[in-house]
Protein backbone atom coordinates (compact mmCIF):
# COMPACT_ATOMS: atom_id res chain seq x y z
CA MET A 1 90.07 145.36 42.46
CA ALA A 2 86.89 147.44 42.50
CA ASP A 3 86.28 148.96 45.97
CA HIS A 4 83.15 147.54 46.65
CA TYR A 5 82.56 149.78 49.84
CA ALA A 6 83.34 153.06 48.34
CA THR A 7 80.59 152.07 45.07
CA LEU A 8 77.77 151.79 47.57
CA GLY A 9 79.38 154.72 49.96
CA VAL A 10 79.50 152.80 53.19
CA ASP A 11 81.82 152.10 55.79
CA ARG A 12 83.83 148.39 55.89
CA ASP A 13 81.92 147.60 59.44
CA THR A 14 78.28 148.60 58.20
CA SER A 15 75.86 145.72 58.97
CA PHE A 16 74.17 144.04 56.06
CA ASP A 17 70.51 145.38 57.23
CA ASP A 18 72.04 149.11 55.91
CA ILE A 19 73.81 147.96 53.17
CA LYS A 20 70.64 146.32 51.84
CA LYS A 21 68.93 149.89 52.40
CA VAL A 22 71.57 151.78 50.72
CA TYR A 23 71.51 149.47 47.93
CA ARG A 24 67.97 149.62 47.26
CA LYS A 25 68.14 153.39 47.31
CA LEU A 26 70.78 153.44 44.71
CA ALA A 27 69.19 150.89 42.28
CA ARG A 28 66.38 152.63 42.11
CA GLU A 29 68.35 155.95 41.33
CA TYR A 30 70.47 153.90 38.60
CA HIS A 31 68.08 151.55 37.21
CA PRO A 32 68.15 151.90 33.47
CA ASP A 33 64.56 151.83 32.97
CA ILE A 34 64.45 154.68 35.19
CA ASN A 35 67.24 156.76 34.77
CA PRO A 36 67.99 157.93 31.00
CA ASP A 37 71.55 158.83 31.63
CA PRO A 38 73.49 156.83 29.57
CA HIS A 39 76.03 156.25 32.08
CA ALA A 40 73.41 154.58 34.56
CA ALA A 41 73.30 151.14 33.14
CA GLU A 42 77.24 150.81 33.94
CA LYS A 43 76.53 152.50 37.57
CA PHE A 44 73.68 150.04 38.24
CA LYS A 45 76.02 146.92 37.42
CA GLU A 46 78.67 148.32 39.88
CA ILE A 47 76.49 148.73 42.97
CA THR A 48 74.70 145.55 41.77
CA THR A 49 78.01 143.67 41.68
CA ALA A 50 79.02 145.32 45.13
CA TYR A 51 75.72 144.56 46.60
CA GLU A 52 76.24 140.78 45.70
CA VAL A 53 79.83 140.67 47.63
CA LEU A 54 78.81 142.44 50.72
CA SER A 55 75.73 140.69 51.48
CA ASP A 56 77.14 137.39 51.18
CA PRO A 57 78.89 136.83 54.40
CA GLU A 58 81.38 134.01 52.91
CA LYS A 59 82.31 136.44 49.48
CA ARG A 60 82.64 139.71 52.07
CA GLN A 61 85.46 137.83 54.20
CA ARG A 62 87.04 136.64 51.37
CA TYR A 63 86.84 140.33 49.57
CA ASP A 64 88.11 141.83 53.09
CA LEU A 65 90.90 139.36 52.83
CA GLY A 66 92.20 140.73 49.84
CA GLY A 67 90.68 137.57 47.76
CA ASP A 68 88.32 137.14 44.69
CA PRO A 69 84.94 137.08 46.40
CA PHE A 70 83.71 134.79 43.55
CA SER A 71 86.40 132.10 43.71
CA SER A 72 85.95 129.28 46.29
CA PHE A 73 89.41 129.43 47.26
CA GLY A 74 89.90 133.33 48.06
CA GLY A 75 93.02 134.89 46.44
CA GLY A 76 96.80 134.43 46.02
CA GLN A 77 98.68 131.43 45.80
CA ASN A 78 97.38 129.03 48.98
CA PHE A 79 100.60 128.10 50.19
CA GLY A 80 99.77 127.00 53.49
CA PHE A 81 101.61 124.92 56.30
CA GLY A 82 100.91 121.59 54.76
CA ASP A 83 102.23 122.61 51.79
CA ILE A 84 105.58 123.98 53.56
CA MET A 85 105.66 120.63 55.29
CA ASP A 86 105.05 118.50 51.91
CA ALA A 87 108.21 120.60 50.50
CA PHE A 88 110.66 120.00 53.14
CA PHE A 89 109.66 116.39 54.79
CA GLY A 90 107.93 114.92 51.44
CA GLY A 91 104.38 114.48 50.72
CA GLY A 92 104.01 110.68 51.76
CA THR A 93 101.92 111.12 54.76
CA SER A 94 99.71 113.90 53.45
CA SER A 95 98.97 112.91 49.78
CA ARG A 96 95.80 114.60 48.86
CA GLY A 97 94.95 111.98 46.42
CA PRO A 98 92.95 112.22 43.03
CA ARG A 99 90.50 115.06 42.41
CA PRO A 100 87.07 113.85 41.89
CA ARG A 101 85.52 114.36 38.73
CA MET A 102 82.04 114.61 39.87
CA ARG A 103 82.12 118.15 41.49
CA ALA A 104 79.19 120.44 42.95
CA GLY A 105 78.15 122.80 40.09
CA GLN A 106 77.87 127.02 40.29
CA ASP A 107 75.31 128.73 42.05
CA ALA A 108 73.62 131.13 39.48
CA LEU A 109 72.10 134.64 39.70
CA ILE A 110 69.21 136.14 37.49
CA ARG A 111 67.21 139.22 37.99
CA ILE A 112 63.62 140.01 37.10
CA GLU A 113 61.73 143.47 37.01
CA LEU A 114 58.45 143.30 38.77
CA ASP A 115 55.94 146.06 38.80
CA LEU A 116 54.44 147.52 42.09
CA ALA A 117 51.25 145.37 41.91
CA GLU A 118 53.39 142.05 40.91
CA ALA A 119 55.50 142.83 44.10
CA CYS A 120 52.62 143.85 46.56
CA PHE A 121 50.23 140.63 45.45
CA GLY A 122 53.09 137.97 44.64
CA CYS A 123 52.83 136.56 41.05
CA ASP A 124 53.88 133.44 39.11
CA ARG A 125 56.84 133.71 36.82
CA GLU A 126 58.62 132.03 34.25
CA ILE A 127 62.34 132.58 33.55
CA SER A 128 64.45 131.43 30.72
CA VAL A 129 67.81 130.63 31.47
CA ASP A 130 71.08 129.28 29.45
CA THR A 131 72.51 126.94 32.04
CA ALA A 132 74.72 123.61 32.20
CA ILE A 133 72.50 120.24 32.50
CA ILE A 134 73.80 116.85 32.86
CA CYS A 135 74.45 114.91 29.64
CA VAL A 136 71.96 112.62 28.74
CA LYS A 137 74.13 110.64 26.15
CA CYS A 138 76.63 109.64 28.99
CA SER A 139 74.69 110.05 31.99
CA GLY A 140 77.35 112.67 33.46
CA SER A 141 80.34 110.03 33.19
CA GLY A 142 82.00 111.67 30.23
CA SER A 143 82.88 108.53 28.53
CA ARG A 144 81.19 107.10 25.45
CA GLU A 145 78.71 104.32 25.61
CA ASN A 146 80.50 100.94 26.86
CA SER A 147 83.51 102.93 27.82
CA LYS A 148 84.93 103.59 31.20
CA PRO A 149 88.28 105.68 32.30
CA LYS A 150 91.40 104.17 32.61
CA VAL A 151 93.87 104.43 35.33
CA CYS A 152 96.59 106.91 34.75
CA GLU A 153 99.64 105.42 33.56
CA ILE A 154 101.98 108.61 34.97
CA CYS A 155 100.80 108.83 38.54
CA LYS A 156 99.18 105.15 38.84
CA GLY A 157 95.93 106.51 39.96
CA ARG A 158 97.15 108.72 42.50
CA GLY A 159 96.44 111.99 40.98
CA GLU A 160 99.85 113.44 41.63
CA VAL A 161 103.46 112.84 41.21
CA GLN A 162 106.36 113.60 43.22
CA GLN A 163 109.79 115.29 42.49
CA VAL A 164 112.87 115.24 44.53
CA THR A 165 115.35 117.85 44.41
CA ARG A 166 118.50 119.10 45.86
CA SER A 167 118.89 121.94 47.86
CA ILE A 168 120.98 123.55 50.31
CA ILE A 169 119.55 121.75 53.23
CA GLY A 170 119.56 118.38 51.26
CA GLN A 171 116.74 116.41 49.67
CA VAL A 172 113.43 118.38 49.11
CA MET A 173 110.28 116.36 48.14
CA THR A 174 107.39 117.98 46.25
CA SER A 175 103.90 116.93 45.18
CA ARG A 176 102.39 118.39 42.42
CA PRO A 177 98.99 117.34 40.25
CA CYS A 178 99.52 115.12 37.76
CA ASN A 179 99.95 116.93 34.33
CA ASN A 180 98.76 113.77 32.50
CA CYS A 181 95.26 113.36 34.26
CA GLN A 182 94.97 116.94 35.71
CA GLY A 183 95.08 115.31 39.13
CA TYR A 184 91.90 113.17 38.41
CA GLY A 185 93.94 109.49 38.55
CA SER A 186 92.21 108.50 35.35
CA VAL A 187 92.17 109.56 31.98
CA ILE A 188 89.02 109.52 29.59
CA SER A 189 90.46 107.69 26.18
CA ASP A 190 87.28 107.58 24.73
CA PRO A 191 85.28 110.76 25.59
CA CYS A 192 81.40 111.31 24.83
CA VAL A 193 80.57 113.30 21.85
CA GLU A 194 77.94 115.19 23.20
CA CYS A 195 79.84 116.50 26.12
CA ALA A 196 83.65 116.03 25.04
CA GLY A 197 84.00 114.45 28.37
CA ASP A 198 82.74 117.12 30.74
CA GLY A 199 79.54 115.36 31.75
CA ARG A 200 77.34 118.20 31.08
CA VAL A 201 75.98 120.44 28.29
CA ARG A 202 74.84 123.65 27.50
CA SER A 203 70.99 123.86 27.45
CA HIS A 204 68.26 126.66 27.20
CA LYS A 205 65.24 125.94 30.01
CA THR A 206 62.33 127.63 31.37
CA ILE A 207 61.82 127.51 35.13
CA PRO A 208 58.79 128.51 36.94
CA VAL A 209 59.41 131.01 39.87
CA LYS A 210 56.59 131.78 42.81
CA VAL A 211 57.15 135.19 43.91
CA PRO A 212 56.13 135.90 47.17
CA ALA A 213 53.53 139.10 48.04
CA GLY A 214 55.53 141.75 49.59
CA VAL A 215 59.03 141.49 47.73
CA GLU A 216 60.86 144.69 46.82
CA THR A 217 64.16 145.38 45.11
CA GLY A 218 67.02 143.76 46.45
CA ASN A 219 65.31 140.63 47.65
CA ARG A 220 66.60 137.19 46.71
CA ILE A 221 64.20 133.91 46.02
CA GLN A 222 66.65 130.75 46.07
CA LEU A 223 65.81 127.86 43.98
CA SER A 224 67.74 124.77 45.31
CA GLY A 225 69.04 122.73 42.54
CA ALA A 226 68.14 124.96 39.67
CA GLY A 227 71.91 126.26 39.17
CA GLU A 228 74.40 124.81 36.78
CA VAL A 229 74.94 121.01 37.06
CA GLY A 230 78.30 120.34 37.95
CA PRO A 231 81.44 118.84 36.08
CA GLY A 232 81.03 114.80 36.03
CA GLY A 233 77.34 115.26 36.16
CA GLY A 234 77.78 116.56 39.79
CA PRO A 235 74.81 118.08 41.87
CA ALA A 236 73.56 121.27 40.44
CA GLY A 237 74.39 124.83 42.27
CA ASP A 238 71.30 126.92 43.12
CA LEU A 239 69.82 129.55 41.21
CA TYR A 240 69.11 132.97 42.74
CA VAL A 241 66.51 135.35 41.43
CA GLU A 242 66.85 139.04 42.63
CA ILE A 243 63.90 141.30 42.53
CA ILE A 244 63.90 144.87 40.40
CA GLU A 245 60.79 146.80 41.29
CA VAL A 246 59.83 149.22 38.88
CA ALA A 247 58.62 152.58 39.73
CA HIS A 248 54.96 153.23 39.71
CA ASP A 249 53.29 155.92 37.70
CA PHE A 250 51.96 157.85 40.80
CA LEU A 251 52.11 155.71 43.67
CA VAL A 252 55.66 155.77 45.77
CA ARG A 253 56.48 152.79 47.87
CA ASP A 254 57.91 153.30 51.53
CA GLY A 255 58.40 149.86 53.04
CA ASN A 256 54.95 148.39 53.32
CA ASP A 257 52.96 151.85 52.93
CA LEU A 258 52.25 153.60 49.70
CA HIS A 259 51.78 157.27 49.03
CA ILE A 260 50.03 159.38 46.60
CA SER A 261 49.77 163.10 45.94
CA ILE A 262 46.42 164.72 44.51
CA ALA A 263 45.48 168.11 43.93
CA ILE A 264 41.91 169.64 44.43
CA PRO A 265 40.80 173.37 44.24
CA MET A 266 40.22 175.57 47.06
CA THR A 267 36.66 175.93 46.87
CA ALA A 268 36.71 172.10 47.17
CA ALA A 269 38.91 172.13 50.06
CA ALA A 270 37.05 175.01 51.98
CA LEU A 271 33.45 173.20 51.58
CA GLY A 272 34.35 169.51 51.49
CA THR A 273 33.99 167.29 48.72
CA LYS A 274 34.28 163.58 47.94
CA VAL A 275 36.90 162.18 45.33
CA LYS A 276 38.02 158.84 43.37
CA ILE A 277 41.63 157.75 43.44
CA GLN A 278 42.80 154.93 41.49
CA THR A 279 44.83 152.48 44.21
CA LEU A 280 46.24 148.95 43.73
CA ASP A 281 42.97 147.62 44.42
CA GLY A 282 40.87 149.64 41.89
CA GLU A 283 39.24 153.04 42.31
CA GLN A 284 38.44 154.21 45.92
CA GLU A 285 36.17 156.95 46.82
CA VAL A 286 37.73 159.22 49.54
CA ALA A 287 35.74 161.92 51.78
CA ILE A 288 37.45 165.24 52.09
CA LYS A 289 36.35 167.27 54.97
CA ALA A 290 35.66 170.71 54.86
CA GLY A 291 38.63 173.00 55.62
CA ILE A 292 41.21 170.74 54.94
CA ALA A 293 44.84 172.52 54.42
CA SER A 294 47.21 171.77 51.94
CA GLY A 295 49.69 169.42 52.92
CA GLN A 296 47.45 167.41 55.35
CA THR A 297 47.35 163.43 55.16
CA LEU A 298 44.55 161.18 54.69
CA THR A 299 45.26 157.30 55.41
CA LEU A 300 43.36 154.56 54.04
CA LYS A 301 43.76 151.67 56.04
CA ASP A 302 45.11 148.27 54.31
CA LEU A 303 45.54 149.44 51.15
CA GLY A 304 49.34 149.60 50.97
CA VAL A 305 51.98 146.32 50.21
CA THR A 306 51.45 143.25 51.61
CA LYS A 307 53.86 142.28 54.51
CA LEU A 308 56.21 139.97 53.38
CA ARG A 309 57.15 138.48 56.81
CA GLY A 310 54.01 138.96 59.09
CA HIS A 311 50.41 139.33 58.34
CA GLY A 312 48.08 141.77 56.71
CA ARG A 313 49.11 144.84 54.61
CA GLY A 314 50.58 148.40 54.99
CA ASP A 315 48.25 151.68 54.46
CA LEU A 316 47.73 154.00 51.72
CA ILE A 317 48.60 157.54 52.59
CA VAL A 318 46.86 160.23 50.67
CA HIS A 319 48.68 163.68 50.45
CA VAL A 320 46.32 166.48 49.89
CA GLU A 321 47.60 169.65 48.09
CA VAL A 322 45.37 172.68 47.52
CA GLN A 323 45.38 174.53 44.68
CA THR A 324 45.18 178.48 44.42
CA PRO A 325 43.84 179.92 41.07
CA ALA A 326 47.01 182.11 39.66
CA LYS A 327 44.19 184.11 37.45
CA LEU A 328 40.66 185.09 37.95
CA SER A 329 37.92 186.88 35.91
CA LYS A 330 36.71 190.06 37.34
CA GLU A 331 33.12 188.61 38.44
CA GLN A 332 35.58 185.78 40.18
CA GLU A 333 37.39 188.16 41.93
CA GLU A 334 34.32 190.29 43.01
CA ILE A 335 32.96 186.99 44.56
CA LEU A 336 35.91 186.38 46.38
CA ARG A 337 36.13 190.22 47.69
CA SER A 338 32.56 189.79 48.76
CA LEU A 339 33.86 186.44 50.33
CA ALA A 340 36.90 188.07 52.30
CA LYS A 341 34.48 191.06 53.30
CA SER A 342 31.61 188.87 54.89
CA ARG A 343 34.46 187.05 56.74
CA GLY A 344 35.91 190.36 58.05
CA GLU A 345 39.40 189.31 56.32
CA SER A 346 41.77 191.73 54.65
CA GLY A 347 44.98 190.96 52.72
CA ASP A 348 47.48 192.58 55.43
CA GLN A 349 46.44 190.49 58.21
CA VAL A 350 48.90 188.54 59.58
CA GLU A 351 48.54 185.47 62.26
CA ILE A 352 51.90 184.85 64.25
CA HIS A 353 51.76 181.01 65.42
CA LYS A 354 53.78 180.96 68.78
CA ARG A 355 56.11 178.06 69.65
CA SER A 356 54.89 178.08 73.43
CA GLY A 357 51.50 177.64 74.87
CA GLY A 358 49.34 174.77 75.04
CA GLY A 359 46.64 173.34 72.49
CA SER A 360 48.08 171.87 69.29
CA ALA A 361 46.48 174.26 66.81
CA GLY A 362 48.32 175.95 64.24
CA LEU A 363 51.39 175.10 62.16
CA PHE A 364 53.79 174.50 65.08
CA GLY A 365 51.42 172.57 66.87
CA ARG A 366 50.95 170.12 63.60
CA PHE A 367 55.11 169.96 63.82
CA ARG A 368 54.57 169.05 67.43
CA ASP A 369 52.16 166.56 66.81
CA ALA A 370 54.10 164.80 63.69
CA PHE A 371 57.20 164.68 65.65
CA GLY A 372 55.98 163.69 69.12
CA ARG A 373 57.24 166.95 70.97
């Protein structure tokens, strides 16, 4: 059995929130649409399976106990106290009775990709699934028209048969499901020609999905009753739609905030300017103040991602990079030398910023302001 904790690189006592954060990071790293490595797709499947198990409390508990997380009954042979009592004292008082033909259907999971704008503002999607639906011809009964299941002649409708054997402790009576009716207590002698007695058939259908604003990779939308119809026409399970957010060309998401990096010439940084940038809300004009330094940021309020749980939106953080020309013409060199001379600057001048002292000017001052020190 795969070590899902090792796949995600987390400890066994890691919380759900931390597992979710790790999965989002790995999903972005190994998504086949982002990572060209031929092994990325297989790695993406592994981490997604690991997250599916560890993010579900019931599946995680079954997995921690050594069972199959995708089984409804855990791992191994469930030979519990009741089975032991049946074996030694007979099953007359603990008879399980016939199994119901109608059982609940399984849940299903499907993943859809969204671009950043769809994740930010929400959207309406239609997804196509191949699933089990109730058989219209027999309405889920499994029997042909005007026919009904007959009581099993072997177990007489009990769904189980008993067997007495001798052992060193005397007679031992055991109970097991009836092989003739598979434990149902009845036999479909004239099955429906469409579903062959199962009460359901495979079908391709389209399901509308309303994606709320603010979702991100790893979020799941639950569609109740949109999963597979159960055997015997039983109630359908749920369909879970998991979100995979595709990376944007130049906007980087960090929670509800967005980040964008722009480069401006050093002359524009010195004199100040206005630039136009593309955002999720269209083109926006941004004023750059004179004297801005490379690495400084500008914050555009409410131009980030819509908050999934709450009101409003995050911000758009503009990172400014000042470009210094690598090559200059003789005329440009003379202009810069003249400027340096008029400012009293020379190439051998170095200003050392002290870490102690008042004020917040300079490099270390900006560090203190950024980290609250």
